[in-house]
Protein backbone atom coordinates (compact mmCIF):
# COMPACT_ATOMS: atom_id res chain seq x y z
CA MET A 1 0.00 0.00 0.00
CA LYS A 2 1.23 3.52 -0.81
CA ILE A 3 -0.20 6.32 1.34
CA ASP A 4 -0.68 9.95 0.22
CA PHE A 5 0.23 12.28 3.10
CA ALA A 6 -2.28 15.07 2.40
CA LYS A 7 -4.39 13.97 -0.61
CA LEU A 8 -4.67 17.58 -1.77
CA GLY A 9 -6.05 16.57 -5.16
CA LEU A 10 -9.14 15.00 -3.62
CA ALA A 11 -10.17 18.34 -2.13
CA TYR A 12 -10.51 19.54 -5.71
CA VAL A 13 -12.11 16.38 -7.10
CA GLU A 14 -14.78 16.35 -4.39
CA HIS A 15 -16.07 19.82 -5.35
CA LYS A 16 -14.73 20.06 -8.89
CA LYS A 17 -17.90 21.29 -10.58
CA GLU A 18 -18.45 24.15 -8.11
CA ILE A 19 -14.79 25.13 -7.99
CA ASP A 20 -14.46 25.16 -11.78
CA ALA A 21 -17.59 27.31 -12.08
CA ALA A 22 -16.33 29.73 -9.42
CA ILE A 23 -12.94 30.11 -11.15
CA ALA A 24 -14.58 30.51 -14.57
CA LYS A 25 -16.76 33.32 -13.23
CA VAL A 26 -13.70 35.24 -12.07
CA ILE A 27 -12.04 34.75 -15.45
CA ASP A 28 -15.17 35.80 -17.33
CA ASN A 29 -15.38 38.99 -15.28
CA SER A 30 -11.61 39.59 -15.40
CA SER A 31 -11.87 40.66 -11.75
CA PHE A 32 -8.56 39.15 -10.70
CA ILE A 33 -7.69 41.59 -7.90
CA MET A 34 -10.20 42.57 -5.18
CA GLY A 35 -13.14 41.19 -7.15
CA ALA A 36 -16.55 40.63 -5.62
CA GLN A 37 -15.59 37.14 -4.44
CA VAL A 38 -13.04 38.66 -2.03
CA SER A 39 -15.57 40.69 -0.07
CA SER A 40 -17.98 37.75 -0.22
CA PHE A 41 -15.33 35.49 1.27
CA GLU A 42 -14.55 38.00 4.02
CA ASN A 43 -18.23 38.15 4.95
CA ASN A 44 -18.34 34.36 5.04
CA LEU A 45 -15.26 34.29 7.27
CA SER A 46 -16.91 36.67 9.73
CA ARG A 47 -20.06 34.56 9.84
CA TYR A 48 -17.96 31.46 10.44
CA THR A 49 -15.62 32.81 13.12
CA GLY A 50 -17.89 35.39 14.75
CA ALA A 51 -15.20 38.05 14.29
CA LYS A 52 -16.54 41.50 13.41
CA HIS A 53 -13.81 42.11 10.83
CA SER A 54 -12.23 39.49 8.57
CA ILE A 55 -9.56 40.85 6.26
CA SER A 56 -8.19 38.51 3.62
CA CYS A 57 -4.57 38.80 2.56
CA SER A 58 -1.84 37.19 0.51
CA SER A 59 -0.51 34.64 3.04
CA GLY A 60 -0.41 33.66 6.68
CA THR A 61 3.00 35.30 6.92
CA ASP A 62 1.63 38.60 5.62
CA ALA A 63 -1.28 38.25 8.04
CA LEU A 64 1.21 38.32 10.92
CA LEU A 65 3.00 41.29 9.40
CA LEU A 66 -0.28 43.20 8.98
CA ALA A 67 -1.20 42.54 12.60
CA MET A 68 2.14 43.77 13.93
CA MET A 69 2.24 46.77 11.62
CA ALA A 70 -1.27 47.73 12.71
CA ILE A 71 -0.19 47.94 16.36
CA ASP A 72 2.86 49.96 15.26
CA ILE A 73 5.61 47.54 16.22
CA GLN A 74 8.92 49.41 16.05
CA PRO A 75 12.59 48.41 15.96
CA GLY A 76 13.67 47.28 19.41
CA ASP A 77 10.19 46.35 20.59
CA GLU A 78 9.89 42.87 22.07
CA ILE A 79 7.28 40.25 21.25
CA ILE A 80 6.95 37.06 23.28
CA THR A 81 6.33 33.84 21.39
CA THR A 82 7.26 30.17 21.22
CA PRO A 83 10.42 28.68 19.69
CA PHE A 84 8.51 25.55 18.63
CA THR A 85 6.68 26.75 15.53
CA PHE A 86 7.15 27.44 11.85
CA ILE A 87 9.68 30.20 11.30
CA ALA A 88 7.12 32.74 10.03
CA THR A 89 5.96 33.36 13.61
CA ALA A 90 9.30 34.83 14.66
CA GLU A 91 10.62 35.76 11.22
CA THR A 92 7.96 38.44 10.85
CA ILE A 93 8.93 39.92 14.22
CA ALA A 94 12.56 40.11 13.15
CA PHE A 95 11.59 41.45 9.72
CA LEU A 96 10.16 44.53 11.47
CA LYS A 97 13.43 44.83 13.44
CA ALA A 98 11.65 43.92 16.65
CA LYS A 99 13.01 41.23 18.97
CA PRO A 100 11.50 37.76 19.30
CA VAL A 101 11.56 36.69 22.95
CA PHE A 102 11.02 32.96 23.31
CA VAL A 103 9.19 31.09 26.04
CA ASP A 104 9.17 27.31 26.35
CA ILE A 105 6.18 25.10 25.55
CA ASP A 106 3.84 22.89 27.52
CA GLU A 107 4.90 19.26 27.05
CA GLU A 108 1.36 17.97 26.46
CA SER A 109 -0.12 20.53 24.06
CA TYR A 110 3.17 21.74 22.49
CA ASN A 111 1.79 25.28 22.76
CA ILE A 112 3.40 28.15 24.67
CA ASP A 113 3.44 27.60 28.45
CA PRO A 114 1.54 30.57 29.92
CA SER A 115 3.14 30.06 33.34
CA LYS A 116 6.47 31.12 31.84
CA ILE A 117 5.29 34.27 30.04
CA GLU A 118 5.34 36.85 32.84
CA ALA A 119 9.00 36.24 33.59
CA ALA A 120 9.84 37.20 30.00
CA ILE A 121 8.01 40.56 30.06
CA THR A 122 10.12 43.72 30.08
CA SER A 123 9.46 47.42 29.59
CA ARG A 124 9.96 46.86 25.85
CA THR A 125 7.38 44.07 25.49
CA LYS A 126 4.52 45.07 23.20
CA ALA A 127 2.73 41.85 22.30
CA ILE A 128 2.38 38.11 22.82
CA ILE A 129 2.02 35.73 19.85
CA PRO A 130 0.76 32.34 20.99
CA VAL A 131 0.70 29.69 18.26
CA SER A 132 -2.28 27.33 18.02
CA LEU A 133 0.00 24.50 16.95
CA TYR A 134 -1.18 21.44 15.01
CA GLY A 135 -4.76 22.74 15.16
CA GLN A 136 -5.31 23.24 18.90
CA PRO A 137 -5.60 26.74 20.45
CA SER A 138 -3.27 27.80 23.23
CA ASP A 139 -4.37 28.58 26.81
CA MET A 140 -5.93 31.84 25.74
CA THR A 141 -7.71 32.73 29.00
CA GLU A 142 -4.44 32.82 30.89
CA ILE A 143 -2.59 34.55 28.05
CA ASN A 144 -5.27 37.22 27.61
CA GLU A 145 -5.27 37.88 31.37
CA ILE A 146 -1.51 38.41 31.37
CA ALA A 147 -1.85 40.73 28.38
CA ARG A 148 -4.51 42.84 30.14
CA LYS A 149 -2.35 43.06 33.26
CA TYR A 150 0.61 44.46 31.29
CA ASP A 151 -1.34 46.29 28.55
CA LEU A 152 -0.08 44.03 25.76
CA THR A 153 -1.69 42.96 22.48
CA VAL A 154 -2.34 39.27 21.89
CA ILE A 155 -1.99 38.11 18.28
CA GLU A 156 -3.07 34.50 17.83
CA ASP A 157 -1.02 32.72 15.18
CA ALA A 158 -3.88 30.50 14.05
CA ALA A 159 -2.23 29.40 10.81
CA GLN A 160 -2.93 25.76 11.73
CA SER A 161 -6.12 26.08 13.76
CA PHE A 162 -8.79 27.78 11.64
CA GLY A 163 -12.09 26.16 12.60
CA SER A 164 -11.07 24.89 16.04
CA GLU A 165 -12.80 26.13 19.18
CA TYR A 166 -11.69 27.42 22.56
CA LYS A 167 -14.35 27.48 25.29
CA GLY A 168 -17.05 27.70 22.62
CA ASP A 169 -15.44 30.48 20.56
CA LYS A 170 -13.73 29.99 17.23
CA SER A 171 -9.98 30.24 16.86
CA CYS A 172 -9.11 33.57 15.16
CA ASN A 173 -11.69 35.27 17.41
CA ILE A 174 -10.17 34.62 20.85
CA SER A 175 -7.68 37.49 21.12
CA SER A 176 -7.08 41.08 20.02
CA ILE A 177 -6.06 39.93 16.54
CA GLY A 178 -6.13 36.50 14.93
CA CYS A 179 -4.08 35.45 11.90
CA THR A 180 -4.53 32.39 9.73
CA SER A 181 -3.18 30.79 6.58
CA PHE A 182 -4.91 29.18 3.62
CA PHE A 183 -1.73 27.55 2.30
CA PRO A 184 -2.84 24.48 0.28
CA ALA A 185 -1.84 21.95 2.96
CA LYS A 186 -3.78 23.71 5.73
CA PRO A 187 -7.12 22.25 6.84
CA LEU A 188 -8.81 24.97 4.76
CA GLY A 189 -6.43 25.46 1.87
CA CYS A 190 -6.63 27.40 -1.37
CA PHE A 191 -4.83 26.65 -4.65
CA GLY A 192 -1.93 28.98 -3.93
CA ASP A 193 -1.03 31.31 -1.08
CA GLY A 194 -3.61 33.04 1.05
CA GLY A 195 -4.36 34.21 4.57
CA ALA A 196 -6.58 36.39 6.70
CA VAL A 197 -6.53 38.67 9.73
CA PHE A 198 -9.41 38.92 12.22
CA THR A 199 -10.32 41.51 14.83
CA ASN A 200 -13.28 43.06 16.62
CA ASN A 201 -11.49 46.40 16.85
CA ASP A 202 -12.79 48.88 14.23
CA LYS A 203 -9.64 51.01 14.23
CA LEU A 204 -7.27 48.07 13.82
CA ALA A 205 -9.43 46.71 11.02
CA GLU A 206 -9.35 50.03 9.18
CA ILE A 207 -5.56 50.20 9.48
CA MET A 208 -5.02 46.61 8.30
CA LYS A 209 -7.33 47.06 5.30
CA SER A 210 -5.28 50.07 4.33
CA LEU A 211 -1.92 48.42 4.98
CA ARG A 212 -2.64 45.51 2.64
CA LEU A 213 -3.27 48.07 -0.15
CA HIS A 214 0.03 49.94 0.18
CA GLY A 215 -1.35 52.10 2.98
CA GLN A 216 -4.00 53.66 0.74
CA THR A 217 -7.03 55.42 2.16
CA GLU A 218 -8.20 56.22 -1.35
CA ARG A 219 -6.62 55.53 -4.73
CA TYR A 220 -3.11 56.98 -4.87
CA PHE A 221 -3.43 58.62 -1.43
CA HIS A 222 -1.35 56.84 1.19
CA LYS A 223 -1.68 57.33 4.93
CA TYR A 224 0.67 54.49 5.90
CA VAL A 225 3.69 52.67 4.51
CA GLY A 226 2.02 49.38 3.66
CA MET A 227 2.42 46.37 1.39
CA GLY A 228 0.86 44.62 -1.57
CA GLY A 229 -0.85 42.04 0.58
CA ARG A 230 -4.14 41.26 -1.14
CA LEU A 231 -5.75 37.85 -1.60
CA ASP A 232 -6.34 37.34 -5.32
CA THR A 233 -9.90 36.80 -6.45
CA ILE A 234 -9.44 33.28 -7.82
CA GLN A 235 -8.22 32.09 -4.42
CA ALA A 236 -11.18 33.76 -2.73
CA ALA A 237 -13.53 32.01 -5.17
CA VAL A 238 -11.98 28.62 -4.41
CA LEU A 239 -12.13 29.24 -0.66
CA ASN A 240 -15.76 30.33 -0.85
CA VAL A 241 -16.64 26.90 -2.20
CA LYS A 242 -14.46 24.96 0.21
CA LEU A 243 -15.65 26.92 3.25
CA LYS A 244 -19.20 25.71 2.64
CA TYR A 245 -18.06 22.14 3.30
CA TYR A 246 -15.38 22.86 5.85
CA GLU A 247 -17.25 21.75 8.97
CA GLU A 248 -17.67 18.32 7.43
CA ASP A 249 -13.94 18.21 6.66
CA VAL A 250 -13.17 19.12 10.28
CA LYS A 251 -15.42 16.31 11.56
CA ARG A 252 -13.71 13.84 9.25
CA ARG A 253 -10.29 14.98 10.43
CA GLN A 254 -11.39 14.51 14.03
CA LEU A 255 -12.57 10.97 13.28
CA VAL A 256 -9.22 10.14 11.69
CA ALA A 257 -7.43 11.50 14.77
CA GLN A 258 -9.66 9.48 17.11
CA LYS A 259 -8.94 6.28 15.20
CA TYR A 260 -5.18 6.95 15.24
CA THR A 261 -5.22 7.61 18.98
CA GLU A 262 -7.25 4.50 19.77
CA LEU A 263 -4.80 2.34 17.84
CA LEU A 264 -1.58 4.00 19.01
CA LYS A 265 -2.11 5.26 22.57
CA GLU A 266 -0.83 2.13 24.29
CA LYS A 267 2.50 2.23 22.46
CA LEU A 268 3.27 5.87 21.70
CA ILE A 269 2.93 9.39 23.06
CA THR A 270 -0.15 10.54 21.14
CA PRO A 271 -1.59 14.09 20.94
CA ILE A 272 -3.56 15.48 23.86
CA VAL A 273 -6.39 17.94 23.24
CA LYS A 274 -7.54 19.76 26.36
CA ASP A 275 -11.18 19.37 27.42
CA ASP A 276 -12.18 23.01 26.88
CA ARG A 277 -11.08 23.18 23.25
CA THR A 278 -11.03 21.30 19.96
CA SER A 279 -8.44 20.68 17.26
CA VAL A 280 -8.78 20.72 13.49
CA TRP A 281 -5.76 18.41 13.26
CA ALA A 282 -3.58 20.29 10.83
CA GLN A 283 -1.12 17.58 11.82
CA TYR A 284 -1.36 14.35 13.75
CA SER A 285 1.98 14.19 15.50
CA VAL A 286 3.33 11.44 17.75
CA ARG A 287 6.64 11.24 19.58
CA VAL A 288 9.17 8.51 18.92
CA LYS A 289 12.77 7.71 19.80
CA ASN A 290 15.21 7.06 16.94
CA ARG A 291 12.98 9.10 14.64
CA ASP A 292 15.16 8.76 11.53
CA GLY A 293 15.09 4.99 11.80
CA VAL A 294 11.34 4.93 12.31
CA GLN A 295 10.77 7.22 9.33
CA ASN A 296 12.95 5.09 7.08
CA LYS A 297 11.14 1.90 8.06
CA LEU A 298 7.75 3.49 7.40
CA LYS A 299 8.95 4.90 4.09
CA SER A 300 10.02 1.42 3.00
CA VAL A 301 6.40 0.23 3.29
CA GLY A 302 4.89 3.24 1.51
CA ILE A 303 4.06 5.41 4.53
CA PRO A 304 5.24 9.04 4.33
CA THR A 305 5.93 11.07 7.47
CA ALA A 306 7.03 14.62 8.22
CA VAL A 307 8.68 16.51 11.07
CA HIS A 308 7.03 19.68 12.36
CA TYR A 309 9.59 20.94 13.47
CA PRO A 310 13.11 19.44 13.66
CA ARG A 311 14.96 22.42 15.12
CA PRO A 312 13.43 25.00 17.46
CA LEU A 313 13.77 28.61 16.40
CA HIS A 314 16.18 29.68 19.14
CA LEU A 315 18.76 27.28 17.65
CA GLN A 316 18.30 28.40 14.03
CA GLU A 317 21.28 30.11 12.42
CA CYS A 318 19.27 33.20 11.49
CA PHE A 319 18.52 33.84 15.19
CA GLU A 320 22.07 33.41 16.49
CA TYR A 321 22.16 37.14 17.22
CA LEU A 322 19.57 36.61 19.99
CA ASN A 323 22.26 34.69 21.95
CA TYR A 324 20.10 31.75 22.96
CA LYS A 325 21.84 28.43 23.46
CA GLU A 326 21.03 24.76 23.63
CA GLY A 327 19.36 23.99 26.95
CA ASP A 328 17.51 27.31 27.21
CA PHE A 329 14.15 25.75 26.26
CA PRO A 330 14.45 22.07 27.18
CA VAL A 331 10.88 21.03 26.41
CA SER A 332 10.98 22.51 22.92
CA GLU A 333 14.36 20.88 22.31
CA MET A 334 13.19 17.47 23.52
CA VAL A 335 9.98 17.54 21.51
CA SER A 336 11.78 18.68 18.36
CA LYS A 337 13.97 15.56 18.52
CA GLU A 338 11.02 13.19 18.92
CA ILE A 339 8.04 14.67 17.07
CA MET A 340 6.82 12.96 13.90
CA SER A 341 3.69 13.69 11.87
CA LEU A 342 1.65 10.91 10.31
CA PRO A 343 -0.52 11.26 7.19
CA MET A 344 -3.54 13.40 8.08
CA ASN A 345 -6.41 14.45 5.84
CA PRO A 346 -10.19 14.05 5.71
CA TYR A 347 -9.96 11.32 3.08
CA LEU A 348 -7.93 8.67 4.92
CA LYS A 349 -9.73 5.35 4.82
CA ASP A 350 -9.96 2.96 7.76
CA GLU A 351 -7.75 0.42 6.00
CA GLU A 352 -5.09 3.10 5.46
CA ILE A 353 -5.22 4.19 9.10
CA ASN A 354 -4.97 0.58 10.24
CA TYR A 355 -2.06 -0.05 7.86
CA ILE A 356 -0.18 2.99 9.15
CA ALA A 357 -0.83 2.17 12.80
CA THR A 358 0.02 -1.52 12.46
CA ASN A 359 3.32 -0.83 10.72
CA LEU A 360 4.22 1.86 13.26
CA ILE A 361 3.42 -0.37 16.26
CA ASN A 362 5.38 -3.25 14.78
CA ILE A 363 8.54 -1.13 14.81
CA PHE A 364 8.42 -1.03 18.59
């Protein structure tokens, strides 16, 4: 048996007729930039998340940039985040010449440990960026309380968690600003790059809408130094179709995760989702010793795996200037050596899940 890790093509096949019609409409109208489908998609995002303002943009990375630019992050400002995440979380901080300040993760959820945040706050701290890793939101109640105490902005990096819930509220609408990605491999993915920013703050929304259009307030009049950060209309059209069926996709992902856990929990460290939240399972990641050997054995029987992420950010070459060293964040370092993602998508069949689990268990 040969397993497809993400089965991205099936997401198209399943809704091919609607997606083709939506793309054709954009082409017929030649409305490739900021066409009607963009505002329609933003309205649909607001209905889905409950956020007052949903602002589409060109990628999850640009979503983070828009959020930080909107709160006027300046060189030398500090932003607290996790070292166990995709580089975009901290890269965007550094891109604005601010300083990423890392805090270790919780060993069960792999999200930032809120009990360690206060100790990292200084007079230069301006924001906290918790990452809702693998599809599960962080401990947002505790994080938001810390932020209120110190007058900080919380920007949820929800690139992997769009559609999950925290205490009954949707991810992307559980902090001052939420940011997500519609990269093709995300639970809700487009056919290229795409992202969105969410807020209930009218002023921040107005600024971010302007920033994504080169800081324009009206054509050729620029209030801010911004960026070309728009979501193109074809991607919005595709996402409008896929969003209609997204809740069903999330349920199917959750069933796949439940089946994996039932089969693997006696032998491996399987993911833990806290009782007051849900996950959309952007990844299903287990922890194993001798990861390279395990991956090679699985590959030999047609089972692909991935590592999210093999080296925490504080040990990346590009962040050497921050003067962190090995041992500074022991949980992140331990998890990064053991974490391994199994195939995860809404289309995995029971026989595929059983095949993956059986071969994995047999290694141990």
